[in-house]
Amino acid sequence: MSWNLPWFLEYFVKDILWNDSIYKVKKMFSWYGIFKNKKIFALYINDELYFRENIFNKNEKQFSYKRLWKEIFLPYFLLDESIIEDFEELEKYINSSLDY
C-alpha cells in the first residue's frame, strides 16, 4: 500500500484499521477506494469518508457527482465521525457494507 495518502485516510488505515493487511486502498479517478479482502466498502472523496450503503447509514448524506447535466448518485453514504473512534461499531458498518 502506498503511504502517499491524504493525512486522514492514512490515519484511518494505519491507526483505526491497525494497518491490517486485509485492508487495501486504491486510487480510483480523483478519489480512493477502501477494500477489505479485495471487496470495496468505502470511498474517500474530498476529505470525507463514505461507506457503501448498509442497514445503518441510509439516512446520511449520499455521495453524488455531476456528469454533463445530470447528477449521478452512488450507493455510498457519509460516515458519521463518531463511528470512527469506536472500532466495534465501525466493524459493524464495514461488515454491513460488505454484505449489503
Protein backbone atom coordinates (compact mmCIF):
# COMPACT_ATOMS: atom_id res chain seq x y z
CA MET A 1 0.00 0.00 0.00
CA SER A 2 1.37 3.39 -0.93
CA TRP A 3 1.59 5.76 2.01
CA ASN A 4 1.39 8.88 -0.14
CA LEU A 5 -2.21 9.29 1.01
CA PRO A 6 -4.19 12.25 2.37
CA TRP A 7 -3.49 12.58 6.09
CA PHE A 8 -6.94 11.47 7.27
CA LEU A 9 -7.00 8.42 5.02
CA GLU A 10 -3.54 7.43 6.22
CA TYR A 11 -4.69 7.88 9.84
CA PHE A 12 -7.83 5.81 9.17
CA VAL A 13 -5.92 2.92 7.61
CA LYS A 14 -2.86 2.89 9.86
CA ASP A 15 -4.34 3.81 13.23
CA ILE A 16 -8.02 2.90 13.10
CA LEU A 17 -7.77 -0.25 10.97
CA TRP A 18 -4.40 -1.13 12.57
CA ASN A 19 -2.65 -1.30 9.20
CA ASP A 20 -4.12 -4.79 8.84
CA SER A 21 -3.13 -6.46 5.56
CA ILE A 22 -6.76 -7.41 4.79
CA TYR A 23 -7.41 -3.69 4.12
CA LYS A 24 -6.17 -2.02 0.94
CA VAL A 25 -6.51 1.46 -0.51
CA LYS A 26 -6.56 2.09 -4.24
CA LYS A 27 -6.60 5.39 -6.08
CA MET A 28 -9.69 5.50 -8.29
CA PHE A 29 -10.15 8.51 -10.54
CA SER A 30 -9.96 11.50 -8.18
CA TRP A 31 -10.90 9.54 -5.06
CA TYR A 32 -9.75 6.48 -3.12
CA GLY A 33 -11.45 3.12 -2.67
CA ILE A 34 -11.02 1.23 0.60
CA PHE A 35 -11.20 -2.55 0.35
CA LYS A 36 -11.41 -5.45 2.79
CA ASN A 37 -10.37 -8.80 1.35
CA LYS A 38 -10.49 -7.32 -2.19
CA LYS A 39 -14.10 -6.11 -1.81
CA ILE A 40 -14.82 -2.38 -1.72
CA PHE A 41 -16.71 -0.99 1.27
CA ALA A 42 -15.83 2.71 1.34
CA LEU A 43 -14.77 5.73 -0.69
CA TYR A 44 -12.64 8.63 0.47
CA ILE A 45 -13.68 11.70 -1.51
CA ASN A 46 -12.90 15.38 -0.92
CA ASP A 47 -11.73 14.74 2.66
CA GLU A 48 -14.88 12.80 3.53
CA LEU A 49 -15.39 9.11 4.18
CA TYR A 50 -18.39 7.42 2.55
CA PHE A 51 -19.41 3.84 3.31
CA ARG A 52 -21.28 1.64 0.88
CA GLU A 53 -24.99 1.52 1.62
CA ASN A 54 -25.79 -0.63 4.63
CA ILE A 55 -28.51 -1.08 7.22
CA PHE A 56 -27.03 1.67 9.43
CA ASN A 57 -26.39 4.58 7.07
CA LYS A 58 -29.37 5.06 4.74
CA ASN A 59 -30.32 8.39 6.35
CA GLU A 60 -26.92 10.01 5.87
CA LYS A 61 -25.76 12.28 3.05
CA GLN A 62 -25.43 10.28 -0.18
CA PHE A 63 -22.42 10.79 -2.44
CA SER A 64 -23.17 12.29 -5.85
CA TYR A 65 -21.28 13.95 -8.66
CA LYS A 66 -22.27 15.83 -11.79
CA ARG A 67 -21.68 14.43 -15.23
CA LEU A 68 -22.67 16.67 -18.07
CA TRP A 69 -26.10 17.91 -16.99
CA LYS A 70 -27.01 15.01 -14.73
CA GLU A 71 -26.37 14.38 -11.08
CA ILE A 72 -25.18 10.81 -10.54
CA PHE A 73 -25.80 9.19 -7.15
CA LEU A 74 -23.64 6.32 -5.95
CA PRO A 75 -24.74 3.97 -3.14
CA TYR A 76 -22.26 5.48 -0.68
CA PHE A 77 -23.26 7.49 2.37
CA LEU A 78 -21.26 9.83 4.59
CA LEU A 79 -19.88 8.14 7.70
CA ASP A 80 -20.64 9.88 10.97
CA GLU A 81 -17.33 10.83 12.61
CA SER A 82 -18.40 9.38 15.97
CA ILE A 83 -18.31 5.88 14.43
CA ILE A 84 -14.61 6.11 13.56
CA GLU A 85 -13.31 6.05 17.13
CA ASP A 86 -15.45 3.08 18.20
CA PHE A 87 -13.84 0.12 16.44
CA GLU A 88 -16.58 -2.32 17.44
CA GLU A 89 -19.23 -0.07 15.89
CA LEU A 90 -17.02 0.66 12.87
CA GLU A 91 -16.58 -3.06 12.28
CA LYS A 92 -20.38 -3.44 12.18
CA TYR A 93 -20.55 -0.75 9.50
CA ILE A 94 -17.76 -2.34 7.47
CA ASN A 95 -19.29 -5.81 7.58
CA SER A 96 -22.75 -4.49 6.84
CA SER A 97 -21.40 -2.56 3.84
CA LEU A 98 -19.75 -5.71 2.53
CA ASP A 99 -22.89 -7.81 2.97
CA TYR A 100 -25.47 -5.36 1.63
